[in-house]
Amino acid sequence: MTRQYSRADDLIHQFDTVLRTLVPRAAQPSRPSPATDDVEDEALDEQERQHAVGLMRINHTGEVCAQALYQGQGLTAKLPEIRGQMEEAAQEEVDHLAWCDARLQELDGRTSLLNPLFYAASFGIGAVAGAVGDRVSLGFVAATEEQVGRHLDEHMEKLPSGDRRSRAVLRQMAIDEAHHAQQALEAGGARFPAPVKAGMTLMSKVMTESVYKL
């Protein structure tokens, strides 16, 4: 017999998700990192290492935002199949989160001090989008994932040439994000107009510039 979860159960699950997202090394991936043992870096000097840390910190915070976005949307999505799709995509984002966290550890870097702030903001945006309607919610996912994909492509170009392990992680993340965007559109997501996407780009720029160092 299928267990019926109470509101208390849901709250505990939500709180557990928050902790696993914000506490370093808490996220557990379901897939091994693309930075496998046979992917070896060339020697990085200190400037290159710091630059790689900054870029991977941005990508880690982006995955924190993705977790919060999917959690907020799943909370307010109206159709069960939409909630299920959000949960499936969120699990792949957990992989990304854990991979970026592990790579930061390898580079002797840390996650962003601003993660709780961006988590709260993204959760609120996701909850509002889900409450407005599943079409808008899915459209927001598609637009966000498309934007993330562009950032990942840019970061693969900006990484030091010898940082092969970070690049392997970002390459798989880009594949997954493109799949999420396509799924959202095929499920009925709205295509956002250019002015809305421009606003999203501006908010993303604020995040990337602040998280690179903090």
N, C-alpha and C. Protein backbone atom coordinates (compact mmCIF):
# COMPACT_ATOMS: atom_id res chain seq x y z
N MET A 1 0.85 -1.19 0.00
CA MET A 1 0.00 0.00 0.00
C MET A 1 0.88 1.25 0.00
N THR A 2 0.54 2.22 -0.86
CA THR A 2 1.32 3.45 -0.97
C THR A 2 1.08 4.34 0.23
N ARG A 3 2.15 4.80 0.82
CA ARG A 3 2.02 5.64 2.00
C ARG A 3 1.59 7.05 1.61
N GLN A 4 0.66 7.61 2.37
CA GLN A 4 0.22 8.99 2.16
C GLN A 4 1.06 9.90 3.05
N TYR A 5 1.80 10.82 2.42
CA TYR A 5 2.67 11.69 3.18
C TYR A 5 1.90 12.87 3.75
N SER A 6 2.19 13.18 5.01
CA SER A 6 1.54 14.30 5.69
C SER A 6 2.26 15.59 5.36
N ARG A 7 1.68 16.71 5.78
CA ARG A 7 2.34 18.00 5.58
C ARG A 7 3.65 18.05 6.35
N ALA A 8 3.68 17.41 7.52
CA ALA A 8 4.93 17.37 8.29
C ALA A 8 6.01 16.62 7.52
N ASP A 9 5.63 15.52 6.86
CA ASP A 9 6.59 14.78 6.04
C ASP A 9 7.14 15.66 4.92
N ASP A 10 6.23 16.41 4.27
CA ASP A 10 6.64 17.29 3.17
C ASP A 10 7.61 18.36 3.66
N LEU A 11 7.31 18.92 4.84
CA LEU A 11 8.17 19.97 5.38
C LEU A 11 9.56 19.41 5.72
N ILE A 12 9.60 18.20 6.27
CA ILE A 12 10.88 17.58 6.58
C ILE A 12 11.67 17.34 5.30
N HIS A 13 10.97 16.87 4.26
CA HIS A 13 11.63 16.63 2.97
C HIS A 13 12.17 17.94 2.40
N GLN A 14 11.37 19.00 2.48
CA GLN A 14 11.81 20.31 1.97
C GLN A 14 13.04 20.79 2.72
N PHE A 15 13.03 20.64 4.04
CA PHE A 15 14.16 21.09 4.85
C PHE A 15 15.42 20.28 4.53
N ASP A 16 15.23 18.98 4.32
CA ASP A 16 16.36 18.12 3.97
C ASP A 16 16.96 18.55 2.63
N THR A 17 16.11 18.92 1.69
CA THR A 17 16.59 19.38 0.38
C THR A 17 17.40 20.65 0.53
N VAL A 18 16.93 21.57 1.37
CA VAL A 18 17.65 22.83 1.61
C VAL A 18 19.05 22.53 2.16
N LEU A 19 19.12 21.65 3.16
CA LEU A 19 20.40 21.33 3.77
C LEU A 19 21.35 20.67 2.77
N ARG A 20 20.83 19.72 2.00
CA ARG A 20 21.67 19.02 1.04
C ARG A 20 22.17 19.95 -0.06
N THR A 21 21.40 21.02 -0.32
CA THR A 21 21.80 21.98 -1.35
C THR A 21 22.84 22.97 -0.83
N LEU A 22 22.66 23.45 0.38
CA LEU A 22 23.49 24.54 0.89
C LEU A 22 24.71 24.09 1.68
N VAL A 23 24.68 22.90 2.25
CA VAL A 23 25.83 22.43 3.04
C VAL A 23 26.85 21.78 2.10
N PRO A 24 28.09 22.28 2.09
CA PRO A 24 29.11 21.68 1.22
C PRO A 24 29.28 20.18 1.47
N ARG A 25 29.44 19.43 0.39
CA ARG A 25 29.67 17.98 0.39
C ARG A 25 28.45 17.16 0.82
N ALA A 26 27.30 17.80 1.00
CA ALA A 26 26.11 17.07 1.45
C ALA A 26 25.36 16.43 0.28
N ALA A 27 25.42 17.03 -0.89
CA ALA A 27 24.70 16.50 -2.05
C ALA A 27 25.33 15.19 -2.51
N GLN A 28 24.50 14.19 -2.76
CA GLN A 28 24.96 12.89 -3.20
C GLN A 28 24.51 12.64 -4.64
N PRO A 29 25.44 12.54 -5.59
CA PRO A 29 25.06 12.35 -6.99
C PRO A 29 24.58 10.93 -7.27
N SER A 30 23.71 10.81 -8.27
CA SER A 30 23.25 9.48 -8.69
C SER A 30 24.11 8.94 -9.82
N ARG A 31 24.94 9.80 -10.42
CA ARG A 31 25.85 9.40 -11.50
C ARG A 31 27.27 9.80 -11.13
N PRO A 32 28.27 9.04 -11.58
CA PRO A 32 29.65 9.42 -11.29
C PRO A 32 30.03 10.71 -12.02
N SER A 33 30.96 11.44 -11.47
CA SER A 33 31.41 12.68 -12.10
C SER A 33 32.05 12.40 -13.45
N PRO A 34 31.82 13.27 -14.44
CA PRO A 34 32.52 13.13 -15.74
C PRO A 34 34.03 13.32 -15.61
N ALA A 35 34.47 13.94 -14.50
CA ALA A 35 35.91 14.10 -14.27
C ALA A 35 36.47 12.79 -13.72
N THR A 36 36.51 11.79 -14.58
CA THR A 36 36.93 10.45 -14.17
C THR A 36 38.45 10.40 -13.97
N ASP A 37 38.92 9.28 -13.45
CA ASP A 37 40.35 9.14 -13.14
C ASP A 37 41.24 9.28 -14.37
N ASP A 38 40.70 8.96 -15.55
CA ASP A 38 41.54 9.04 -16.74
C ASP A 38 41.56 10.44 -17.36
N VAL A 39 40.83 11.39 -16.76
CA VAL A 39 40.88 12.79 -17.20
C VAL A 39 41.85 13.53 -16.28
N GLU A 40 43.00 13.90 -16.82
CA GLU A 40 44.04 14.52 -16.01
C GLU A 40 44.28 15.96 -16.45
N ASP A 41 44.47 16.83 -15.46
CA ASP A 41 44.79 18.23 -15.74
C ASP A 41 46.26 18.38 -16.11
N GLU A 42 46.55 19.44 -16.84
CA GLU A 42 47.92 19.91 -16.96
C GLU A 42 48.19 20.80 -15.74
N ALA A 43 49.44 21.12 -15.49
CA ALA A 43 49.78 21.96 -14.34
C ALA A 43 49.15 23.34 -14.49
N LEU A 44 48.48 23.80 -13.40
CA LEU A 44 47.88 25.14 -13.38
C LEU A 44 48.69 26.03 -12.46
N ASP A 45 49.00 27.26 -12.92
CA ASP A 45 49.65 28.18 -12.00
C ASP A 45 48.59 28.78 -11.08
N GLU A 46 49.00 29.58 -10.11
CA GLU A 46 48.07 30.07 -9.10
C GLU A 46 46.98 30.94 -9.70
N GLN A 47 47.31 31.78 -10.65
CA GLN A 47 46.32 32.63 -11.29
C GLN A 47 45.28 31.79 -12.04
N GLU A 48 45.75 30.78 -12.73
CA GLU A 48 44.83 29.90 -13.46
C GLU A 48 43.93 29.13 -12.50
N ARG A 49 44.51 28.66 -11.39
CA ARG A 49 43.72 27.93 -10.41
C ARG A 49 42.62 28.82 -9.82
N GLN A 50 42.98 30.04 -9.46
CA GLN A 50 42.00 30.96 -8.89
C GLN A 50 40.89 31.28 -9.89
N HIS A 51 41.27 31.42 -11.16
CA HIS A 51 40.27 31.70 -12.20
C HIS A 51 39.32 30.51 -12.35
N ALA A 52 39.88 29.31 -12.35
CA ALA A 52 39.04 28.11 -12.45
C ALA A 52 38.11 27.99 -11.25
N VAL A 53 38.62 28.31 -10.07
CA VAL A 53 37.78 28.28 -8.86
C VAL A 53 36.62 29.25 -9.00
N GLY A 54 36.89 30.47 -9.46
CA GLY A 54 35.83 31.46 -9.63
C GLY A 54 34.75 31.00 -10.59
N LEU A 55 35.15 30.42 -11.70
CA LEU A 55 34.18 29.94 -12.69
C LEU A 55 33.37 28.77 -12.15
N MET A 56 34.04 27.83 -11.49
CA MET A 56 33.31 26.68 -10.96
C MET A 56 32.42 27.08 -9.78
N ARG A 57 32.81 28.11 -9.05
CA ARG A 57 31.93 28.61 -7.98
C ARG A 57 30.65 29.18 -8.58
N ILE A 58 30.78 29.90 -9.69
CA ILE A 58 29.59 30.42 -10.38
C ILE A 58 28.68 29.27 -10.79
N ASN A 59 29.27 28.23 -11.37
CA ASN A 59 28.46 27.10 -11.83
C ASN A 59 27.81 26.36 -10.67
N HIS A 60 28.53 26.28 -9.55
CA HIS A 60 27.94 25.65 -8.37
C HIS A 60 26.75 26.46 -7.88
N THR A 61 26.89 27.77 -7.80
CA THR A 61 25.77 28.61 -7.36
C THR A 61 24.61 28.53 -8.33
N GLY A 62 24.92 28.41 -9.62
CA GLY A 62 23.85 28.23 -10.61
C GLY A 62 23.05 26.97 -10.32
N GLU A 63 23.72 25.91 -9.87
CA GLU A 63 23.02 24.68 -9.53
C GLU A 63 22.24 24.80 -8.23
N VAL A 64 22.75 25.61 -7.29
CA VAL A 64 21.98 25.93 -6.08
C VAL A 64 20.67 26.61 -6.48
N CYS A 65 20.78 27.58 -7.39
CA CYS A 65 19.58 28.28 -7.87
C CYS A 65 18.62 27.33 -8.58
N ALA A 66 19.17 26.39 -9.35
CA ALA A 66 18.33 25.43 -10.07
C ALA A 66 17.56 24.55 -9.09
N GLN A 67 18.24 24.08 -8.04
CA GLN A 67 17.56 23.27 -7.03
C GLN A 67 16.40 24.04 -6.40
N ALA A 68 16.67 25.29 -6.04
CA ALA A 68 15.64 26.11 -5.41
C ALA A 68 14.49 26.38 -6.37
N LEU A 69 14.83 26.64 -7.62
CA LEU A 69 13.81 26.91 -8.64
C LEU A 69 12.88 25.71 -8.81
N TYR A 70 13.46 24.52 -8.97
CA TYR A 70 12.65 23.31 -9.15
C TYR A 70 11.85 22.99 -7.89
N GLN A 71 12.44 23.24 -6.74
CA GLN A 71 11.73 22.97 -5.49
C GLN A 71 10.51 23.89 -5.36
N GLY A 72 10.71 25.17 -5.65
CA GLY A 72 9.59 26.12 -5.58
C GLY A 72 8.51 25.80 -6.59
N GLN A 73 8.92 25.45 -7.81
CA GLN A 73 7.94 25.12 -8.84
C GLN A 73 7.19 23.83 -8.51
N GLY A 74 7.91 22.83 -8.01
CA GLY A 74 7.27 21.57 -7.66
C GLY A 74 6.26 21.74 -6.55
N LEU A 75 6.49 22.72 -5.70
CA LEU A 75 5.58 22.97 -4.58
C LEU A 75 4.25 23.53 -5.05
N THR A 76 4.27 24.33 -6.12
CA THR A 76 3.06 25.01 -6.56
C THR A 76 2.53 24.54 -7.92
N ALA A 77 3.26 23.63 -8.60
CA ALA A 77 2.78 23.13 -9.89
C ALA A 77 1.42 22.45 -9.73
N LYS A 78 0.57 22.63 -10.72
CA LYS A 78 -0.81 22.16 -10.60
C LYS A 78 -0.99 20.71 -11.06
N LEU A 79 -0.30 20.30 -12.11
CA LEU A 79 -0.48 18.96 -12.65
C LEU A 79 0.54 18.00 -12.07
N PRO A 80 0.11 16.79 -11.64
CA PRO A 80 1.05 15.82 -11.06
C PRO A 80 2.19 15.46 -12.00
N GLU A 81 1.91 15.36 -13.31
CA GLU A 81 2.98 14.98 -14.23
C GLU A 81 4.05 16.08 -14.34
N ILE A 82 3.62 17.33 -14.15
CA ILE A 82 4.57 18.44 -14.17
C ILE A 82 5.46 18.39 -12.93
N ARG A 83 4.83 18.09 -11.78
CA ARG A 83 5.62 17.96 -10.55
C ARG A 83 6.63 16.83 -10.68
N GLY A 84 6.21 15.72 -11.31
CA GLY A 84 7.12 14.60 -11.51
C GLY A 84 8.28 14.97 -12.40
N GLN A 85 8.02 15.74 -13.45
CA GLN A 85 9.08 16.16 -14.35
C GLN A 85 10.06 17.08 -13.63
N MET A 86 9.53 17.96 -12.77
CA MET A 86 10.39 18.85 -11.99
C MET A 86 11.31 18.04 -11.08
N GLU A 87 10.76 17.00 -10.46
CA GLU A 87 11.56 16.18 -9.55
C GLU A 87 12.65 15.42 -10.29
N GLU A 88 12.33 14.94 -11.49
CA GLU A 88 13.33 14.21 -12.28
C GLU A 88 14.47 15.13 -12.70
N ALA A 89 14.13 16.33 -13.18
CA ALA A 89 15.16 17.29 -13.58
C ALA A 89 15.98 17.73 -12.38
N ALA A 90 15.32 17.89 -11.23
CA ALA A 90 16.02 18.32 -10.02
C ALA A 90 17.07 17.30 -9.62
N GLN A 91 16.81 16.00 -9.83
CA GLN A 91 17.79 14.98 -9.47
C GLN A 91 19.05 15.10 -10.31
N GLU A 92 18.89 15.41 -11.59
CA GLU A 92 20.06 15.61 -12.43
C GLU A 92 20.82 16.87 -12.00
N GLU A 93 20.07 17.88 -11.53
CA GLU A 93 20.73 19.09 -11.03
C GLU A 93 21.51 18.79 -9.74
N VAL A 94 21.04 17.81 -8.95
CA VAL A 94 21.80 17.38 -7.76
C VAL A 94 23.15 16.82 -8.21
N ASP A 95 23.15 16.05 -9.29
CA ASP A 95 24.42 15.55 -9.83
C ASP A 95 25.35 16.71 -10.14
N HIS A 96 24.83 17.72 -10.84
CA HIS A 96 25.65 18.87 -11.21
C HIS A 96 26.19 19.58 -9.97
N LEU A 97 25.32 19.73 -9.00
CA LEU A 97 25.71 20.39 -7.75
C LEU A 97 26.87 19.66 -7.09
N ALA A 98 26.75 18.34 -6.98
CA ALA A 98 27.79 17.53 -6.34
C ALA A 98 29.07 17.53 -7.16
N TRP A 99 28.95 17.47 -8.48
CA TRP A 99 30.14 17.48 -9.33
C TRP A 99 30.91 18.79 -9.19
N CYS A 100 30.19 19.91 -9.20
CA CYS A 100 30.85 21.21 -9.05
C CYS A 100 31.49 21.35 -7.68
N ASP A 101 30.80 20.88 -6.66
CA ASP A 101 31.33 20.92 -5.30
C ASP A 101 32.62 20.11 -5.21
N ALA A 102 32.61 18.91 -5.78
CA ALA A 102 33.80 18.06 -5.75
C ALA A 102 34.95 18.69 -6.50
N ARG A 103 34.65 19.33 -7.62
CA ARG A 103 35.72 19.97 -8.40
C ARG A 103 36.29 21.17 -7.65
N LEU A 104 35.46 21.91 -6.96
CA LEU A 104 35.96 23.02 -6.14
C LEU A 104 36.91 22.51 -5.06
N GLN A 105 36.56 21.37 -4.46
CA GLN A 105 37.44 20.78 -3.45
C GLN A 105 38.79 20.40 -4.06
N GLU A 106 38.77 19.82 -5.26
CA GLU A 106 40.02 19.45 -5.93
C GLU A 106 40.89 20.67 -6.20
N LEU A 107 40.25 21.80 -6.47
CA LEU A 107 40.97 23.03 -6.78
C LEU A 107 41.31 23.85 -5.54
N ASP A 108 41.01 23.29 -4.35
CA ASP A 108 41.21 24.00 -3.08
C ASP A 108 40.41 25.30 -3.04
N GLY A 109 39.21 25.23 -3.58
CA GLY A 109 38.31 26.38 -3.55
C GLY A 109 37.15 26.12 -2.61
N ARG A 110 36.24 27.08 -2.54
CA ARG A 110 35.08 26.96 -1.66
C ARG A 110 33.83 27.39 -2.43
N THR A 111 32.69 27.01 -1.89
CA THR A 111 31.42 27.45 -2.47
C THR A 111 31.14 28.90 -2.07
N SER A 112 30.17 29.51 -2.72
CA SER A 112 29.90 30.93 -2.50
C SER A 112 29.23 31.20 -1.14
N LEU A 113 29.63 32.29 -0.52
CA LEU A 113 29.01 32.72 0.73
C LEU A 113 27.59 33.26 0.49
N LEU A 114 27.28 33.55 -0.76
CA LEU A 114 25.98 34.14 -1.11
C LEU A 114 24.94 33.09 -1.47
N ASN A 115 25.29 31.82 -1.39
CA ASN A 115 24.35 30.76 -1.80
C ASN A 115 23.00 30.81 -1.09
N PRO A 116 22.94 31.04 0.23
CA PRO A 116 21.62 31.10 0.89
C PRO A 116 20.73 32.20 0.32
N LEU A 117 21.33 33.34 0.00
CA LEU A 117 20.56 34.46 -0.57
C LEU A 117 19.99 34.09 -1.93
N PHE A 118 20.83 33.51 -2.79
CA PHE A 118 20.37 33.14 -4.13
C PHE A 118 19.38 31.97 -4.08
N TYR A 119 19.56 31.08 -3.11
CA TYR A 119 18.60 29.98 -2.95
C TYR A 119 17.22 30.53 -2.62
N ALA A 120 17.16 31.43 -1.66
CA ALA A 120 15.87 32.00 -1.24
C ALA A 120 15.19 32.74 -2.38
N ALA A 121 15.97 33.53 -3.13
CA ALA A 121 15.40 34.29 -4.24
C ALA A 121 14.88 33.36 -5.33
N SER A 122 15.64 32.33 -5.65
CA SER A 122 15.23 31.39 -6.71
C SER A 122 14.03 30.57 -6.30
N PHE A 123 13.97 30.18 -5.02
CA PHE A 123 12.80 29.44 -4.54
C PHE A 123 11.54 30.28 -4.70
N GLY A 124 11.63 31.55 -4.33
CA GLY A 124 10.47 32.44 -4.46
C GLY A 124 10.04 32.60 -5.90
N ILE A 125 10.99 32.77 -6.80
CA ILE A 125 10.67 32.92 -8.22
C ILE A 125 10.00 31.65 -8.74
N GLY A 126 10.55 30.49 -8.35
CA GLY A 126 9.97 29.23 -8.81
C GLY A 126 8.56 29.02 -8.30
N ALA A 127 8.33 29.36 -7.02
CA ALA A 127 7.00 29.19 -6.44
C ALA A 127 5.98 30.08 -7.13
N VAL A 128 6.37 31.33 -7.42
CA VAL A 128 5.47 32.26 -8.11
C VAL A 128 5.17 31.75 -9.52
N ALA A 129 6.21 31.31 -10.23
CA ALA A 129 6.01 30.81 -11.60
C ALA A 129 5.08 29.61 -11.61
N GLY A 130 5.26 28.70 -10.64
CA GLY A 130 4.39 27.53 -10.56
C GLY A 130 2.96 27.89 -10.24
N ALA A 131 2.79 28.91 -9.38
CA ALA A 131 1.44 29.34 -9.00
C ALA A 131 0.71 30.01 -10.16
N VAL A 132 1.45 30.72 -11.01
CA VAL A 132 0.84 31.39 -12.16
C VAL A 132 0.25 30.36 -13.12
N GLY A 133 0.98 29.27 -13.34
CA GLY A 133 0.48 28.24 -14.24
C GLY A 133 1.60 27.37 -14.74
N ASP A 134 1.28 26.13 -15.08
CA ASP A 134 2.31 25.19 -15.50
C ASP A 134 2.97 25.61 -16.81
N ARG A 135 2.21 26.26 -17.71
CA ARG A 135 2.80 26.69 -18.98
C ARG A 135 3.88 27.74 -18.74
N VAL A 136 3.60 28.69 -17.85
CA VAL A 136 4.59 29.72 -17.52
C VAL A 136 5.76 29.09 -16.77
N SER A 137 5.45 28.19 -15.84
CA SER A 137 6.49 27.53 -15.06
C SER A 137 7.46 26.77 -15.96
N LEU A 138 6.93 26.00 -16.89
CA LEU A 138 7.77 25.24 -17.81
C LEU A 138 8.54 26.17 -18.75
N GLY A 139 7.89 27.25 -19.15
CA GLY A 139 8.58 28.23 -19.99
C GLY A 139 9.76 28.87 -19.27
N PHE A 140 9.58 29.10 -17.98
CA PHE A 140 10.67 29.66 -17.19
C PHE A 140 11.83 28.68 -17.09
N VAL A 141 11.50 27.39 -16.94
CA VAL A 141 12.55 26.36 -16.92
C VAL A 141 13.32 26.38 -18.24
N ALA A 142 12.59 26.40 -19.35
CA ALA A 142 13.24 26.37 -20.66
C ALA A 142 14.15 27.57 -20.85
N ALA A 143 13.64 28.77 -20.52
CA ALA A 143 14.44 29.98 -20.68
C ALA A 143 15.66 29.98 -19.78
N THR A 144 15.48 29.49 -18.56
CA THR A 144 16.60 29.43 -17.62
C THR A 144 17.67 28.45 -18.09
N GLU A 145 17.23 27.27 -18.53
CA GLU A 145 18.19 26.25 -18.95
C GLU A 145 18.93 26.69 -20.22
N GLU A 146 18.25 27.38 -21.11
CA GLU A 146 18.92 27.90 -22.31
C GLU A 146 20.01 28.89 -21.92
N GLN A 147 19.70 29.73 -20.95
CA GLN A 147 20.67 30.72 -20.48
C GLN A 147 21.85 30.04 -19.80
N VAL A 148 21.56 29.03 -18.97
CA VAL A 148 22.62 28.28 -18.30
C VAL A 148 23.52 27.61 -19.34
N GLY A 149 22.92 27.07 -20.38
CA GLY A 149 23.70 26.43 -21.43
C GLY A 149 24.68 27.39 -22.09
N ARG A 150 24.24 28.63 -22.32
CA ARG A 150 25.14 29.62 -22.90
C ARG A 150 26.30 29.93 -21.95
N HIS A 151 25.99 30.05 -20.65
CA HIS A 151 27.03 30.31 -19.67
C HIS A 151 28.05 29.16 -19.64
N LEU A 152 27.56 27.94 -19.69
CA LEU A 152 28.46 26.79 -19.66
C LEU A 152 29.39 26.79 -20.87
N ASP A 153 28.85 27.11 -22.03
CA ASP A 153 29.68 27.18 -23.23
C ASP A 153 30.75 28.25 -23.07
N GLU A 154 30.36 29.40 -22.51
CA GLU A 154 31.33 30.49 -22.29
C GLU A 154 32.41 30.07 -21.30
N HIS A 155 32.00 29.38 -20.24
CA HIS A 155 32.96 28.98 -19.22
C HIS A 155 33.92 27.92 -19.75
N MET A 156 33.45 27.05 -20.61
CA MET A 156 34.36 26.06 -21.20
C MET A 156 35.44 26.74 -22.04
N GLU A 157 35.08 27.88 -22.63
CA GLU A 157 36.06 28.65 -23.40
C GLU A 157 37.01 29.41 -22.48
N LYS A 158 36.49 29.90 -21.34
CA LYS A 158 37.27 30.74 -20.44
C LYS A 158 38.18 29.96 -19.49
N LEU A 159 37.87 28.69 -19.26
CA LEU A 159 38.70 27.90 -18.37
C LEU A 159 40.14 27.81 -18.88
N PRO A 160 41.11 27.74 -17.98
CA PRO A 160 42.49 27.53 -18.43
C PRO A 160 42.58 26.29 -19.31
N SER A 161 43.40 26.34 -20.34
CA SER A 161 43.47 25.24 -21.30
C SER A 161 43.83 23.91 -20.63
N GLY A 162 44.59 23.97 -19.53
CA GLY A 162 45.00 22.75 -18.86
C GLY A 162 43.99 22.18 -17.89
N ASP A 163 42.87 22.90 -17.67
CA ASP A 163 41.86 22.43 -16.71
C ASP A 163 40.87 21.50 -17.42
N ARG A 164 41.30 20.30 -17.64
CA ARG A 164 40.48 19.34 -18.38
C ARG A 164 39.36 18.75 -17.54
N ARG A 165 39.58 18.64 -16.24
CA ARG A 165 38.59 18.01 -15.36
C ARG A 165 37.36 18.91 -15.21
N SER A 166 37.56 20.21 -15.02
CA SER A 166 36.42 21.12 -14.95
C SER A 166 35.67 21.13 -16.27
N ARG A 167 36.41 21.12 -17.36
CA ARG A 167 35.77 21.17 -18.67
C ARG A 167 34.93 19.91 -18.92
N ALA A 168 35.39 18.77 -18.45
CA ALA A 168 34.62 17.52 -18.61
C ALA A 168 33.30 17.61 -17.85
N VAL A 169 33.33 18.20 -16.66
CA VAL A 169 32.11 18.36 -15.88
C VAL A 169 31.14 19.29 -16.59
N LEU A 170 31.63 20.43 -17.06
CA LEU A 170 30.75 21.40 -17.70
C LEU A 170 30.17 20.87 -19.01
N ARG A 171 30.94 20.05 -19.71
CA ARG A 171 30.45 19.50 -20.98
C ARG A 171 29.21 18.63 -20.75
N GLN A 172 29.24 17.76 -19.74
CA GLN A 172 28.08 16.91 -19.45
C GLN A 172 26.92 17.74 -18.91
N MET A 173 27.23 18.74 -18.10
CA MET A 173 26.18 19.61 -17.59
C MET A 173 25.44 20.30 -18.74
N ALA A 174 26.19 20.76 -19.74
CA ALA A 174 25.58 21.43 -20.89
C ALA A 174 24.63 20.50 -21.63
N ILE A 175 25.02 19.24 -21.77
CA ILE A 175 24.15 18.26 -22.43
C ILE A 175 22.85 18.09 -21.65
N ASP A 176 22.96 17.96 -20.33
CA ASP A 176 21.78 17.77 -19.49
C ASP A 176 20.87 18.99 -19.52
N GLU A 177 21.46 20.19 -19.46
CA GLU A 177 20.64 21.41 -19.43
C GLU A 177 19.87 21.58 -20.74
N ALA A 178 20.51 21.26 -21.86
CA ALA A 178 19.81 21.35 -23.14
C ALA A 178 18.64 20.38 -23.18
N HIS A 179 18.82 19.21 -22.58
CA HIS A 179 17.74 18.21 -22.52
C HIS A 179 16.59 18.72 -21.65
N HIS A 180 16.90 19.34 -20.52
CA HIS A 180 15.86 19.90 -19.65
C HIS A 180 15.05 20.97 -20.37
N ALA A 181 15.75 21.85 -21.10
CA ALA A 181 15.06 22.92 -21.82
C ALA A 181 14.12 22.34 -22.87
N GLN A 182 14.60 21.34 -23.61
CA GLN A 182 13.78 20.73 -24.65
C GLN A 182 12.56 20.03 -24.05
N GLN A 183 12.76 19.33 -22.94
CA GLN A 183 11.66 18.65 -22.26
C GLN A 183 10.59 19.65 -21.82
N ALA A 184 11.02 20.77 -21.28
CA ALA A 184 10.07 21.77 -20.79
C ALA A 184 9.23 22.34 -21.93
N LEU A 185 9.85 22.59 -23.07
CA LEU A 185 9.11 23.13 -24.21
C LEU A 185 8.16 22.07 -24.78
N GLU A 186 8.61 20.83 -24.86
CA GLU A 186 7.76 19.76 -25.38
C GLU A 186 6.58 19.48 -24.47
N ALA A 187 6.73 19.77 -23.17
CA ALA A 187 5.64 19.55 -22.22
C ALA A 187 4.64 20.70 -22.23
N GLY A 188 4.88 21.72 -23.07
CA GLY A 188 3.92 22.81 -23.19
C GLY A 188 4.40 24.13 -22.64
N GLY A 189 5.69 24.26 -22.37
CA GLY A 189 6.23 25.50 -21.83
C GLY A 189 6.11 26.65 -22.81
N ALA A 190 5.82 27.83 -22.29
CA ALA A 190 5.71 29.03 -23.12
C ALA A 190 7.10 29.51 -23.53
N ARG A 191 7.21 30.04 -24.73
CA ARG A 191 8.45 30.67 -25.17
C ARG A 191 8.41 32.13 -24.75
N PHE A 192 9.32 32.51 -23.88
CA PHE A 192 9.31 33.86 -23.33
C PHE A 192 9.78 34.88 -24.38
N PRO A 193 9.19 36.08 -24.38
CA PRO A 193 9.62 37.13 -25.31
C PRO A 193 11.00 37.66 -24.95
N ALA A 194 11.63 38.35 -25.91
CA ALA A 194 12.99 38.86 -25.73
C ALA A 194 13.15 39.77 -24.51
N PRO A 195 12.21 40.70 -24.22
CA PRO A 195 12.40 41.56 -23.04
C PRO A 195 12.48 40.78 -21.73
N VAL A 196 11.70 39.71 -21.61
CA VAL A 196 11.74 38.90 -20.39
C VAL A 196 13.09 38.20 -20.29
N LYS A 197 13.57 37.66 -21.40
CA LYS A 197 14.86 36.99 -21.40
C LYS A 197 15.98 37.97 -21.09
N ALA A 198 15.84 39.22 -21.56
CA ALA A 198 16.86 40.24 -21.28
C ALA A 198 16.91 40.53 -19.78
N GLY A 199 15.74 40.57 -19.13
CA GLY A 199 15.70 40.78 -17.68
C GLY A 199 16.35 39.63 -16.93
N MET A 200 16.12 38.42 -17.40
CA MET A 200 16.74 37.24 -16.78
C MET A 200 18.26 37.29 -16.94
N THR A 201 18.71 37.75 -18.12
CA THR A 201 20.15 37.86 -18.37
C THR A 201 20.79 38.86 -17.42
N LEU A 202 20.08 39.96 -17.17
CA LEU A 202 20.60 40.98 -16.26
C LEU A 202 20.73 40.43 -14.84
N MET A 203 19.72 39.71 -14.37
CA MET A 203 19.79 39.11 -13.04
C MET A 203 20.92 38.09 -12.95
N SER A 204 21.10 37.34 -14.03
CA SER A 204 22.17 36.35 -14.05
C SER A 204 23.54 37.01 -13.98
N LYS A 205 23.66 38.16 -14.63
CA LYS A 205 24.93 38.88 -14.61
C LYS A 205 25.29 39.34 -13.20
N VAL A 206 24.27 39.78 -12.45
CA VAL A 206 24.49 40.18 -11.06
C VAL A 206 25.04 39.00 -10.26
N MET A 207 24.45 37.84 -10.47
CA MET A 207 24.87 36.64 -9.74
C MET A 207 26.32 36.27 -10.09
N THR A 208 26.63 36.22 -11.39
CA THR A 208 27.95 35.75 -11.79
C THR A 208 29.06 36.69 -11.32
N GLU A 209 28.82 37.98 -11.41
CA GLU A 209 29.87 38.94 -11.02
C GLU A 209 30.11 38.94 -9.52
N SER A 210 29.05 38.71 -8.72
CA SER A 210 29.22 38.72 -7.27
C SER A 210 29.80 37.40 -6.76
N VAL A 211 29.42 36.29 -7.37
CA VAL A 211 29.83 34.98 -6.88
C VAL A 211 31.26 34.62 -7.29
N TYR A 212 31.75 35.20 -8.35
CA TYR A 212 33.11 34.88 -8.83
C TYR A 212 34.14 35.03 -7.71
N LYS A 213 33.99 36.04 -6.87
CA LYS A 213 34.94 36.27 -5.78
C LYS A 213 34.38 35.89 -4.42
N LEU A 214 33.06 35.96 -4.25
CA LEU A 214 32.44 35.70 -2.95
C LEU A 214 31.76 34.33 -2.89
